[in-house]
Amino acid sequence: MMNDVNVHFINKNHIDSFQKLNFLLFLQTQPDLDATIQELAARSYLGYTALLEKIIADLQRVGLIDQTGNGYKLHREPGINASLKHLATTFANPVARQKLLAQVCG
């Protein structure tokens, strides 16, 4: 459920929109994915690349995404992976998801 770990991760990493949260949860399911912005936009169903460019820049600034040549991928760190798995578990619960979205978008 929504707890201090989720709240801390969201606040620390400036997860401030549904799109940013959804993109992170997508990357959590594809930890080895290394792709260009266009490929990420298509695979994550965020077709608007200008928005995704901003999301990636924000996530890169806080250390959640790494640039790899022309591509980007989720930063590999056990703490990040554990936090994203916890967020994904929370997001899977409809009631907890509403609280999570209120925290992100509120």
PDB file of N, CA and C in Angstrom:
ATOM      1  N   MET A   1       0.835  -1.186   0.000  1.00  0.00           N
ATOM      2  CA  MET A   1       0.000   0.000   0.000  1.00  0.00           C
ATOM      3  C   MET A   1       0.879   1.250   0.000  1.00  0.00           C
ATOM      4  N   MET A   2       0.229   2.384   0.018  1.00  0.00           N
ATOM      5  CA  MET A   2       0.948   3.650   0.023  1.00  0.00           C
ATOM      6  C   MET A   2       1.592   3.818   1.393  1.00  0.00           C
ATOM      7  N   ASN A   3       2.903   3.965   1.415  1.00  0.00           N
ATOM      8  CA  ASN A   3       3.598   4.103   2.688  1.00  0.00           C
ATOM      9  C   ASN A   3       4.718   5.117   2.556  1.00  0.00           C
ATOM     10  N   ASP A   4       5.484   5.250   3.623  1.00  0.00           N
ATOM     11  CA  ASP A   4       6.556   6.242   3.650  1.00  0.00           C
ATOM     12  C   ASP A   4       7.624   5.983   2.601  1.00  0.00           C
ATOM     13  N   VAL A   5       7.881   4.727   2.262  1.00  0.00           N
ATOM     14  CA  VAL A   5       8.887   4.403   1.243  1.00  0.00           C
ATOM     15  C   VAL A   5       8.469   4.982  -0.101  1.00  0.00           C
ATOM     16  N   ASN A   6       7.208   4.765  -0.475  1.00  0.00           N
ATOM     17  CA  ASN A   6       6.709   5.320  -1.735  1.00  0.00           C
ATOM     18  C   ASN A   6       6.724   6.842  -1.714  1.00  0.00           C
ATOM     19  N   VAL A   7       6.240   7.417  -0.639  1.00  0.00           N
ATOM     20  CA  VAL A   7       6.187   8.878  -0.533  1.00  0.00           C
ATOM     21  C   VAL A   7       7.587   9.474  -0.642  1.00  0.00           C
ATOM     22  N   HIS A   8       8.548   8.873   0.049  1.00  0.00           N
ATOM     23  CA  HIS A   8       9.923   9.363   0.000  1.00  0.00           C
ATOM     24  C   HIS A   8      10.486   9.263  -1.419  1.00  0.00           C
ATOM     25  N   PHE A   9      10.281   8.132  -2.076  1.00  0.00           N
ATOM     26  CA  PHE A   9      10.792   7.940  -3.435  1.00  0.00           C
ATOM     27  C   PHE A   9      10.170   8.951  -4.396  1.00  0.00           C
ATOM     28  N   ILE A  10       8.876   9.148  -4.300  1.00  0.00           N
ATOM     29  CA  ILE A  10       8.168  10.096  -5.175  1.00  0.00           C
ATOM     30  C   ILE A  10       8.682  11.513  -4.953  1.00  0.00           C
ATOM     31  N   ASN A  11       8.794  11.917  -3.701  1.00  0.00           N
ATOM     32  CA  ASN A  11       9.252  13.276  -3.399  1.00  0.00           C
ATOM     33  C   ASN A  11      10.720  13.476  -3.758  1.00  0.00           C
ATOM     34  N   LYS A  12      11.557  12.530  -3.392  1.00  0.00           N
ATOM     35  CA  LYS A  12      13.003  12.636  -3.643  1.00  0.00           C
ATOM     36  C   LYS A  12      13.316  12.733  -5.133  1.00  0.00           C
ATOM     37  N   ASN A  13      12.565  12.014  -5.940  1.00  0.00           N
ATOM     38  CA  ASN A  13      12.841  11.947  -7.371  1.00  0.00           C
ATOM     39  C   ASN A  13      11.912  12.810  -8.221  1.00  0.00           C
ATOM     40  N   HIS A  14      11.144  13.664  -7.561  1.00  0.00           N
ATOM     41  CA  HIS A  14      10.273  14.624  -8.254  1.00  0.00           C
ATOM     42  C   HIS A  14       9.349  13.942  -9.262  1.00  0.00           C
ATOM     43  N   ILE A  15       8.725  12.856  -8.819  1.00  0.00           N
ATOM     44  CA  ILE A  15       7.734  12.169  -9.650  1.00  0.00           C
ATOM     45  C   ILE A  15       6.435  12.952  -9.490  1.00  0.00           C
ATOM     46  N   ASP A  16       6.175  13.830 -10.449  1.00  0.00           N
ATOM     47  CA  ASP A  16       5.107  14.809 -10.286  1.00  0.00           C
ATOM     48  C   ASP A  16       4.024  14.734 -11.359  1.00  0.00           C
ATOM     49  N   SER A  17       3.975  13.636 -12.103  1.00  0.00           N
ATOM     50  CA  SER A  17       2.911  13.477 -13.090  1.00  0.00           C
ATOM     51  C   SER A  17       2.627  11.992 -13.301  1.00  0.00           C
ATOM     52  N   PHE A  18       1.409  11.734 -13.746  1.00  0.00           N
ATOM     53  CA  PHE A  18       1.030  10.359 -14.060  1.00  0.00           C
ATOM     54  C   PHE A  18       1.927   9.800 -15.161  1.00  0.00           C
ATOM     55  N   GLN A  19       2.239  10.629 -16.174  1.00  0.00           N
ATOM     56  CA  GLN A  19       3.062  10.177 -17.286  1.00  0.00           C
ATOM     57  C   GLN A  19       4.460   9.765 -16.821  1.00  0.00           C
ATOM     58  N   LYS A  20       5.036  10.543 -15.909  1.00  0.00           N
ATOM     59  CA  LYS A  20       6.371  10.218 -15.398  1.00  0.00           C
ATOM     60  C   LYS A  20       6.322   8.926 -14.585  1.00  0.00           C
ATOM     61  N   LEU A  21       5.330   8.787 -13.746  1.00  0.00           N
ATOM     62  CA  LEU A  21       5.165   7.562 -12.961  1.00  0.00           C
ATOM     63  C   LEU A  21       4.957   6.365 -13.875  1.00  0.00           C
ATOM     64  N   ASN A  22       4.082   6.510 -14.842  1.00  0.00           N
ATOM     65  CA  ASN A  22       3.780   5.417 -15.758  1.00  0.00           C
ATOM     66  C   ASN A  22       5.014   5.013 -16.566  1.00  0.00           C
ATOM     67  N   PHE A  23       5.815   5.980 -16.989  1.00  0.00           N
ATOM     68  CA  PHE A  23       7.036   5.685 -17.731  1.00  0.00           C
ATOM     69  C   PHE A  23       8.032   4.930 -16.852  1.00  0.00           C
ATOM     70  N   LEU A  24       8.172   5.343 -15.614  1.00  0.00           N
ATOM     71  CA  LEU A  24       9.063   4.632 -14.693  1.00  0.00           C
ATOM     72  C   LEU A  24       8.596   3.200 -14.459  1.00  0.00           C
ATOM     73  N   LEU A  25       7.297   3.022 -14.295  1.00  0.00           N
ATOM     74  CA  LEU A  25       6.762   1.674 -14.094  1.00  0.00           C
ATOM     75  C   LEU A  25       6.964   0.816 -15.340  1.00  0.00           C
ATOM     76  N   PHE A  26       6.863   1.440 -16.519  1.00  0.00           N
ATOM     77  CA  PHE A  26       7.161   0.730 -17.765  1.00  0.00           C
ATOM     78  C   PHE A  26       8.624   0.280 -17.782  1.00  0.00           C
ATOM     79  N   LEU A  27       9.541   1.190 -17.451  1.00  0.00           N
ATOM     80  CA  LEU A  27      10.963   0.836 -17.439  1.00  0.00           C
ATOM     81  C   LEU A  27      11.265  -0.254 -16.413  1.00  0.00           C
ATOM     82  N   GLN A  28      10.544  -0.249 -15.313  1.00  0.00           N
ATOM     83  CA  GLN A  28      10.748  -1.267 -14.284  1.00  0.00           C
ATOM     84  C   GLN A  28      10.445  -2.652 -14.839  1.00  0.00           C
ATOM     85  N   THR A  29       9.502  -2.745 -15.766  1.00  0.00           N
ATOM     86  CA  THR A  29       9.172  -4.040 -16.369  1.00  0.00           C
ATOM     87  C   THR A  29      10.139  -4.420 -17.477  1.00  0.00           C
ATOM     88  N   GLN A  30      10.977  -3.469 -17.910  1.00  0.00           N
ATOM     89  CA  GLN A  30      11.932  -3.690 -19.004  1.00  0.00           C
ATOM     90  C   GLN A  30      13.319  -3.210 -18.571  1.00  0.00           C
ATOM     91  N   PRO A  31      13.894  -3.778 -17.517  1.00  0.00           N
ATOM     92  CA  PRO A  31      15.125  -3.223 -16.947  1.00  0.00           C
ATOM     93  C   PRO A  31      16.342  -3.248 -17.874  1.00  0.00           C
ATOM     94  N   ASP A  32      16.333  -4.106 -18.884  1.00  0.00           N
ATOM     95  CA  ASP A  32      17.471  -4.184 -19.803  1.00  0.00           C
ATOM     96  C   ASP A  32      17.248  -3.387 -21.083  1.00  0.00           C
ATOM     97  N   LEU A  33      16.111  -2.747 -21.204  1.00  0.00           N
ATOM     98  CA  LEU A  33      15.798  -1.978 -22.403  1.00  0.00           C
ATOM     99  C   LEU A  33      16.729  -0.777 -22.524  1.00  0.00           C
ATOM    100  N   ASP A  34      17.359  -0.636 -23.659  1.00  0.00           N
ATOM    101  CA  ASP A  34      18.235   0.490 -23.983  1.00  0.00           C
ATOM    102  C   ASP A  34      17.755   0.983 -25.336  1.00  0.00           C
ATOM    103  N   ALA A  35      17.105   2.149 -25.367  1.00  0.00           N
ATOM    104  CA  ALA A  35      16.438   2.580 -26.591  1.00  0.00           C
ATOM    105  C   ALA A  35      16.493   4.098 -26.747  1.00  0.00           C
ATOM    106  N   THR A  36      16.274   4.533 -27.985  1.00  0.00           N
ATOM    107  CA  THR A  36      16.215   5.966 -28.274  1.00  0.00           C
ATOM    108  C   THR A  36      14.894   6.526 -27.748  1.00  0.00           C
ATOM    109  N   ILE A  37      14.808   7.835 -27.728  1.00  0.00           N
ATOM    110  CA  ILE A  37      13.562   8.478 -27.281  1.00  0.00           C
ATOM    111  C   ILE A  37      12.395   8.038 -28.156  1.00  0.00           C
ATOM    112  N   GLN A  38      12.602   7.968 -29.462  1.00  0.00           N
ATOM    113  CA  GLN A  38      11.523   7.558 -30.368  1.00  0.00           C
ATOM    114  C   GLN A  38      11.074   6.125 -30.073  1.00  0.00           C
ATOM    115  N   GLU A  39      12.037   5.238 -29.842  1.00  0.00           N
ATOM    116  CA  GLU A  39      11.693   3.844 -29.515  1.00  0.00           C
ATOM    117  C   GLU A  39      10.979   3.756 -28.172  1.00  0.00           C
ATOM    118  N   LEU A  40      11.466   4.521 -27.198  1.00  0.00           N
ATOM    119  CA  LEU A  40      10.818   4.520 -25.885  1.00  0.00           C
ATOM    120  C   LEU A  40       9.404   5.080 -25.970  1.00  0.00           C
ATOM    121  N   ALA A  41       9.229   6.123 -26.768  1.00  0.00           N
ATOM    122  CA  ALA A  41       7.895   6.714 -26.934  1.00  0.00           C
ATOM    123  C   ALA A  41       6.930   5.687 -27.516  1.00  0.00           C
ATOM    124  N   ALA A  42       7.373   4.952 -28.516  1.00  0.00           N
ATOM    125  CA  ALA A  42       6.512   3.952 -29.145  1.00  0.00           C
ATOM    126  C   ALA A  42       6.220   2.787 -28.206  1.00  0.00           C
ATOM    127  N   ARG A  43       7.238   2.289 -27.540  1.00  0.00           N
ATOM    128  CA  ARG A  43       7.068   1.119 -26.665  1.00  0.00           C
ATOM    129  C   ARG A  43       6.276   1.431 -25.400  1.00  0.00           C
ATOM    130  N   SER A  44       6.397   2.643 -24.900  1.00  0.00           N
ATOM    131  CA  SER A  44       5.712   3.003 -23.657  1.00  0.00           C
ATOM    132  C   SER A  44       4.364   3.665 -23.911  1.00  0.00           C
ATOM    133  N   TYR A  45       3.997   3.800 -25.175  1.00  0.00           N
ATOM    134  CA  TYR A  45       2.742   4.434 -25.577  1.00  0.00           C
ATOM    135  C   TYR A  45       2.675   5.901 -25.186  1.00  0.00           C
ATOM    136  N   LEU A  46       3.835   6.540 -25.063  1.00  0.00           N
ATOM    137  CA  LEU A  46       3.912   7.991 -24.874  1.00  0.00           C
ATOM    138  C   LEU A  46       4.369   8.575 -26.206  1.00  0.00           C
ATOM    139  N   GLY A  47       3.489   8.590 -27.163  1.00  0.00           N
ATOM    140  CA  GLY A  47       3.838   8.977 -28.513  1.00  0.00           C
ATOM    141  C   GLY A  47       4.330  10.405 -28.672  1.00  0.00           C
ATOM    142  N   TYR A  48       4.051  11.250 -27.716  1.00  0.00           N
ATOM    143  CA  TYR A  48       4.454  12.655 -27.794  1.00  0.00           C
ATOM    144  C   TYR A  48       5.896  12.766 -27.310  1.00  0.00           C
ATOM    145  N   THR A  49       6.834  12.797 -28.242  1.00  0.00           N
ATOM    146  CA  THR A  49       8.244  12.716 -27.880  1.00  0.00           C
ATOM    147  C   THR A  49       8.738  13.942 -27.112  1.00  0.00           C
ATOM    148  N   ALA A  50       8.150  15.116 -27.347  1.00  0.00           N
ATOM    149  CA  ALA A  50       8.585  16.304 -26.591  1.00  0.00           C
ATOM    150  C   ALA A  50       8.318  16.110 -25.093  1.00  0.00           C
ATOM    151  N   LEU A  51       7.190  15.529 -24.758  1.00  0.00           N
ATOM    152  CA  LEU A  51       6.881  15.241 -23.354  1.00  0.00           C
ATOM    153  C   LEU A  51       7.860  14.209 -22.810  1.00  0.00           C
ATOM    154  N   LEU A  52       8.120  13.167 -23.582  1.00  0.00           N
ATOM    155  CA  LEU A  52       9.040  12.129 -23.123  1.00  0.00           C
ATOM    156  C   LEU A  52      10.457  12.676 -22.970  1.00  0.00           C
ATOM    157  N   GLU A  53      10.868  13.580 -23.836  1.00  0.00           N
ATOM    158  CA  GLU A  53      12.189  14.205 -23.699  1.00  0.00           C
ATOM    159  C   GLU A  53      12.305  14.920 -22.360  1.00  0.00           C
ATOM    160  N   LYS A  54      11.239  15.630 -21.966  1.00  0.00           N
ATOM    161  CA  LYS A  54      11.240  16.334 -20.681  1.00  0.00           C
ATOM    162  C   LYS A  54      11.258  15.335 -19.521  1.00  0.00           C
ATOM    163  N   ILE A  55      10.456  14.292 -19.626  1.00  0.00           N
ATOM    164  CA  ILE A  55      10.417  13.267 -18.578  1.00  0.00           C
ATOM    165  C   ILE A  55      11.792  12.624 -18.421  1.00  0.00           C
ATOM    166  N   ILE A  56      12.409  12.262 -19.534  1.00  0.00           N
ATOM    167  CA  ILE A  56      13.731  11.630 -19.483  1.00  0.00           C
ATOM    168  C   ILE A  56      14.754  12.586 -18.884  1.00  0.00           C
ATOM    169  N   ALA A  57      14.721  13.845 -19.287  1.00  0.00           N
ATOM    170  CA  ALA A  57      15.661  14.831 -18.723  1.00  0.00           C
ATOM    171  C   ALA A  57      15.474  14.953 -17.217  1.00  0.00           C
ATOM    172  N   ASP A  58      14.221  14.997 -16.765  1.00  0.00           N
ATOM    173  CA  ASP A  58      13.940  15.081 -15.327  1.00  0.00           C
ATOM    174  C   ASP A  58      14.457  13.849 -14.589  1.00  0.00           C
ATOM    175  N   LEU A  59      14.197  12.668 -15.152  1.00  0.00           N
ATOM    176  CA  LEU A  59      14.606  11.425 -14.507  1.00  0.00           C
ATOM    177  C   LEU A  59      16.123  11.232 -14.556  1.00  0.00           C
ATOM    178  N   GLN A  60      16.733  11.731 -15.599  1.00  0.00           N
ATOM    179  CA  GLN A  60      18.190  11.676 -15.708  1.00  0.00           C
ATOM    180  C   GLN A  60      18.827  12.591 -14.665  1.00  0.00           C
ATOM    181  N   ARG A  61      18.238  13.736 -14.461  1.00  0.00           N
ATOM    182  CA  ARG A  61      18.747  14.715 -13.488  1.00  0.00           C
ATOM    183  C   ARG A  61      18.767  14.146 -12.066  1.00  0.00           C
ATOM    184  N   VAL A  62      17.797  13.309 -11.734  1.00  0.00           N
ATOM    185  CA  VAL A  62      17.748  12.730 -10.385  1.00  0.00           C
ATOM    186  C   VAL A  62      18.404  11.353 -10.306  1.00  0.00           C
ATOM    187  N   GLY A  63      18.989  10.901 -11.420  1.00  0.00           N
ATOM    188  CA  GLY A  63      19.760   9.669 -11.405  1.00  0.00           C
ATOM    189  C   GLY A  63      18.991   8.387 -11.634  1.00  0.00           C
ATOM    190  N   LEU A  64      17.767   8.481 -12.160  1.00  0.00           N
ATOM    191  CA  LEU A  64      16.984   7.274 -12.396  1.00  0.00           C
ATOM    192  C   LEU A  64      17.182   6.701 -13.793  1.00  0.00           C
ATOM    193  N   ILE A  65      17.666   7.531 -14.716  1.00  0.00           N
ATOM    194  CA  ILE A  65      17.893   7.096 -16.097  1.00  0.00           C
ATOM    195  C   ILE A  65      19.303   7.477 -16.504  1.00  0.00           C
ATOM    196  N   ASP A  66      19.934   6.583 -17.256  1.00  0.00           N
ATOM    197  CA  ASP A  66      21.268   6.824 -17.792  1.00  0.00           C
ATOM    198  C   ASP A  66      21.192   6.969 -19.305  1.00  0.00           C
ATOM    199  N   GLN A  67      22.033   7.848 -19.849  1.00  0.00           N
ATOM    200  CA  GLN A  67      22.161   7.945 -21.295  1.00  0.00           C
ATOM    201  C   GLN A  67      23.245   6.966 -21.734  1.00  0.00           C
ATOM    202  N   THR A  68      22.963   6.235 -22.807  1.00  0.00           N
ATOM    203  CA  THR A  68      23.898   5.232 -23.316  1.00  0.00           C
ATOM    204  C   THR A  68      24.084   5.482 -24.805  1.00  0.00           C
ATOM    205  N   GLY A  69      24.983   6.362 -25.159  1.00  0.00           N
ATOM    206  CA  GLY A  69      25.150   6.718 -26.573  1.00  0.00           C
ATOM    207  C   GLY A  69      23.923   7.474 -27.049  1.00  0.00           C
ATOM    208  N   ASN A  70      23.197   6.894 -27.998  1.00  0.00           N
ATOM    209  CA  ASN A  70      21.969   7.521 -28.502  1.00  0.00           C
ATOM    210  C   ASN A  70      20.735   7.071 -27.739  1.00  0.00           C
ATOM    211  N   GLY A  71      20.919   6.200 -26.777  1.00  0.00           N
ATOM    212  CA  GLY A  71      19.778   5.640 -26.075  1.00  0.00           C
ATOM    213  C   GLY A  71      19.736   5.999 -24.604  1.00  0.00           C
ATOM    214  N   TYR A  72      18.727   5.478 -23.958  1.00  0.00           N
ATOM    215  CA  TYR A  72      18.505   5.700 -22.524  1.00  0.00           C
ATOM    216  C   TYR A  72      18.064   4.389 -21.911  1.00  0.00           C
ATOM    217  N   LYS A  73      18.408   4.227 -20.640  1.00  0.00           N
ATOM    218  CA  LYS A  73      17.958   3.035 -19.920  1.00  0.00           C
ATOM    219  C   LYS A  73      17.838   3.359 -18.436  1.00  0.00           C
ATOM    220  N   LEU A  74      17.098   2.518 -17.758  1.00  0.00           N
ATOM    221  CA  LEU A  74      16.917   2.655 -16.321  1.00  0.00           C
ATOM    222  C   LEU A  74      18.254   2.467 -15.615  1.00  0.00           C
ATOM    223  N   HIS A  75      18.554   3.343 -14.677  1.00  0.00           N
ATOM    224  CA  HIS A  75      19.794   3.234 -13.909  1.00  0.00           C
ATOM    225  C   HIS A  75      19.732   1.977 -13.053  1.00  0.00           C
ATOM    226  N   ARG A  76      20.787   1.191 -13.103  1.00  0.00           N
ATOM    227  CA  ARG A  76      20.828  -0.058 -12.339  1.00  0.00           C
ATOM    228  C   ARG A  76      21.403   0.203 -10.956  1.00  0.00           C
ATOM    229  N   GLU A  77      20.543   0.083 -10.002  1.00  0.00           N
ATOM    230  CA  GLU A  77      20.939   0.205  -8.601  1.00  0.00           C
ATOM    231  C   GLU A  77      19.894  -0.556  -7.796  1.00  0.00           C
ATOM    232  N   PRO A  78      20.321  -1.428  -6.897  1.00  0.00           N
ATOM    233  CA  PRO A  78      19.352  -2.239  -6.144  1.00  0.00           C
ATOM    234  C   PRO A  78      18.274  -1.410  -5.436  1.00  0.00           C
ATOM    235  N   GLY A  79      18.647  -0.271  -4.874  1.00  0.00           N
ATOM    236  CA  GLY A  79      17.662   0.549  -4.173  1.00  0.00           C
ATOM    237  C   GLY A  79      16.592   1.101  -5.096  1.00  0.00           C
ATOM    238  N   ILE A  80      16.989   1.508  -6.296  1.00  0.00           N
ATOM    239  CA  ILE A  80      16.030   2.013  -7.280  1.00  0.00           C
ATOM    240  C   ILE A  80      15.107   0.889  -7.714  1.00  0.00           C
ATOM    241  N   ASN A  81      15.683  -0.256  -8.020  1.00  0.00           N
ATOM    242  CA  ASN A  81      14.892  -1.401  -8.445  1.00  0.00           C
ATOM    243  C   ASN A  81      13.876  -1.803  -7.379  1.00  0.00           C
ATOM    244  N   ALA A  82      14.312  -1.854  -6.128  1.00  0.00           N
ATOM    245  CA  ALA A  82      13.410  -2.221  -5.029  1.00  0.00           C
ATOM    246  C   ALA A  82      12.289  -1.194  -4.883  1.00  0.00           C
ATOM    247  N   SER A  83      12.631   0.093  -4.977  1.00  0.00           N
ATOM    248  CA  SER A  83      11.609   1.143  -4.855  1.00  0.00           C
ATOM    249  C   SER A  83      10.601   1.072  -5.992  1.00  0.00           C
ATOM    250  N   LEU A  84      11.083   0.820  -7.207  1.00  0.00           N
ATOM    251  CA  LEU A  84      10.166   0.725  -8.344  1.00  0.00           C
ATOM    252  C   LEU A  84       9.284  -0.513  -8.249  1.00  0.00           C
ATOM    253  N   LYS A  85       9.826  -1.617  -7.758  1.00  0.00           N
ATOM    254  CA  LYS A  85       8.999  -2.809  -7.561  1.00  0.00           C
ATOM    255  C   LYS A  85       7.917  -2.546  -6.528  1.00  0.00           C
ATOM    256  N   HIS A  86       8.279  -1.819  -5.484  1.00  0.00           N
ATOM    257  CA  HIS A  86       7.299  -1.471  -4.456  1.00  0.00           C
ATOM    258  C   HIS A  86       6.217  -0.557  -5.038  1.00  0.00           C
ATOM    259  N   LEU A  87       6.626   0.425  -5.843  1.00  0.00           N
ATOM    260  CA  LEU A  87       5.650   1.298  -6.501  1.00  0.00           C
ATOM    261  C   LEU A  87       4.735   0.489  -7.422  1.00  0.00           C
ATOM    262  N   ALA A  88       5.300  -0.455  -8.163  1.00  0.00           N
ATOM    263  CA  ALA A  88       4.503  -1.275  -9.072  1.00  0.00           C
ATOM    264  C   ALA A  88       3.480  -2.113  -8.301  1.00  0.00           C
ATOM    265  N   THR A  89       3.888  -2.653  -7.179  1.00  0.00           N
ATOM    266  CA  THR A  89       2.968  -3.427  -6.340  1.00  0.00           C
ATOM    267  C   THR A  89       1.837  -2.538  -5.827  1.00  0.00           C
ATOM    268  N   THR A  90       2.197  -1.352  -5.397  1.00  0.00           N
ATOM    269  CA  THR A  90       1.191  -0.395  -4.929  1.00  0.00           C
ATOM    270  C   THR A  90       0.245  -0.026  -6.064  1.00  0.00           C
ATOM    271  N   PHE A  91       0.805   0.240  -7.239  1.00  0.00           N
ATOM    272  CA  PHE A  91       0.010   0.656  -8.391  1.00  0.00           C
ATOM    273  C   PHE A  91      -0.963  -0.437  -8.831  1.00  0.00           C
ATOM    274  N   ALA A  92      -0.628  -1.690  -8.595  1.00  0.00           N
ATOM    275  CA  ALA A  92      -1.491  -2.803  -8.993  1.00  0.00           C
ATOM    276  C   ALA A  92      -2.762  -2.896  -8.151  1.00  0.00           C
ATOM    277  N   ASN A  93      -2.751  -2.311  -6.957  1.00  0.00           N
ATOM    278  CA  ASN A  93      -3.915  -2.328  -6.080  1.00  0.00           C
ATOM    279  C   ASN A  93      -4.771  -1.090  -6.380  1.00  0.00           C
ATOM    280  N   PRO A  94      -6.030  -1.261  -6.827  1.00  0.00           N
ATOM    281  CA  PRO A  94      -6.840  -0.110  -7.240  1.00  0.00           C
ATOM    282  C   PRO A  94      -6.995   0.981  -6.176  1.00  0.00           C
ATOM    283  N   VAL A  95      -7.198   0.599  -4.933  1.00  0.00           N
ATOM    284  CA  VAL A  95      -7.364   1.602  -3.876  1.00  0.00           C
ATOM    285  C   VAL A  95      -6.039   2.306  -3.607  1.00  0.00           C
ATOM    286  N   ALA A  96      -4.976   1.535  -3.494  1.00  0.00           N
ATOM    287  CA  ALA A  96      -3.659   2.118  -3.258  1.00  0.00           C
ATOM    288  C   ALA A  96      -3.226   2.977  -4.442  1.00  0.00           C
ATOM    289  N   ARG A  97      -3.604   2.564  -5.661  1.00  0.00           N
ATOM    290  CA  ARG A  97      -3.269   3.341  -6.863  1.00  0.00           C
ATOM    291  C   ARG A  97      -3.852   4.751  -6.783  1.00  0.00           C
ATOM    292  N   GLN A  98      -5.068   4.854  -6.301  1.00  0.00           N
ATOM    293  CA  GLN A  98      -5.697   6.178  -6.194  1.00  0.00           C
ATOM    294  C   GLN A  98      -4.922   7.071  -5.214  1.00  0.00           C
ATOM    295  N   LYS A  99      -4.485   6.501  -4.114  1.00  0.00           N
ATOM    296  CA  LYS A  99      -3.687   7.266  -3.139  1.00  0.00           C
ATOM    297  C   LYS A  99      -2.342   7.648  -3.738  1.00  0.00           C
ATOM    298  N   LEU A 100      -1.747   6.727  -4.479  1.00  0.00           N
ATOM    299  CA  LEU A 100      -0.468   7.001  -5.127  1.00  0.00           C
ATOM    300  C   LEU A 100      -0.617   8.125  -6.143  1.00  0.00           C
ATOM    301  N   LEU A 101      -1.651   8.060  -6.959  1.00  0.00           N
ATOM    302  CA  LEU A 101      -1.879   9.111  -7.953  1.00  0.00           C
ATOM    303  C   LEU A 101      -2.171  10.450  -7.283  1.00  0.00           C
ATOM    304  N   ALA A 102      -2.878  10.434  -6.172  1.00  0.00           N
ATOM    305  CA  ALA A 102      -3.121  11.683  -5.445  1.00  0.00           C
ATOM    306  C   ALA A 102      -1.804  12.278  -4.943  1.00  0.00           C
ATOM    307  N   GLN A 103      -0.881  11.431  -4.499  1.00  0.00           N
ATOM    308  CA  GLN A 103       0.425  11.890  -4.040  1.00  0.00           C
ATOM    309  C   GLN A 103       1.231  12.473  -5.210  1.00  0.00           C
ATOM    310  N   VAL A 104       1.188  11.792  -6.338  1.00  0.00           N
ATOM    311  CA  VAL A 104       1.964  12.211  -7.515  1.00  0.00           C
ATOM    312  C   VAL A 104       1.387  13.483  -8.132  1.00  0.00           C
ATOM    313  N   CYS A 105       0.098  13.515  -8.300  1.00  0.00           N
ATOM    314  CA  CYS A 105      -0.532  14.627  -9.009  1.00  0.00           C
ATOM    315  C   CYS A 105      -1.044  15.733  -8.111  1.00  0.00           C
ATOM    316  N   GLY A 106      -0.938  15.517  -6.794  1.00  0.00           N
ATOM    317  CA  GLY A 106      -1.503  16.468  -5.854  1.00  0.00           C
ATOM    318  C   GLY A 106      -0.636  17.540  -5.450  1.00  0.00           C
TER     319      GLY A 106
END
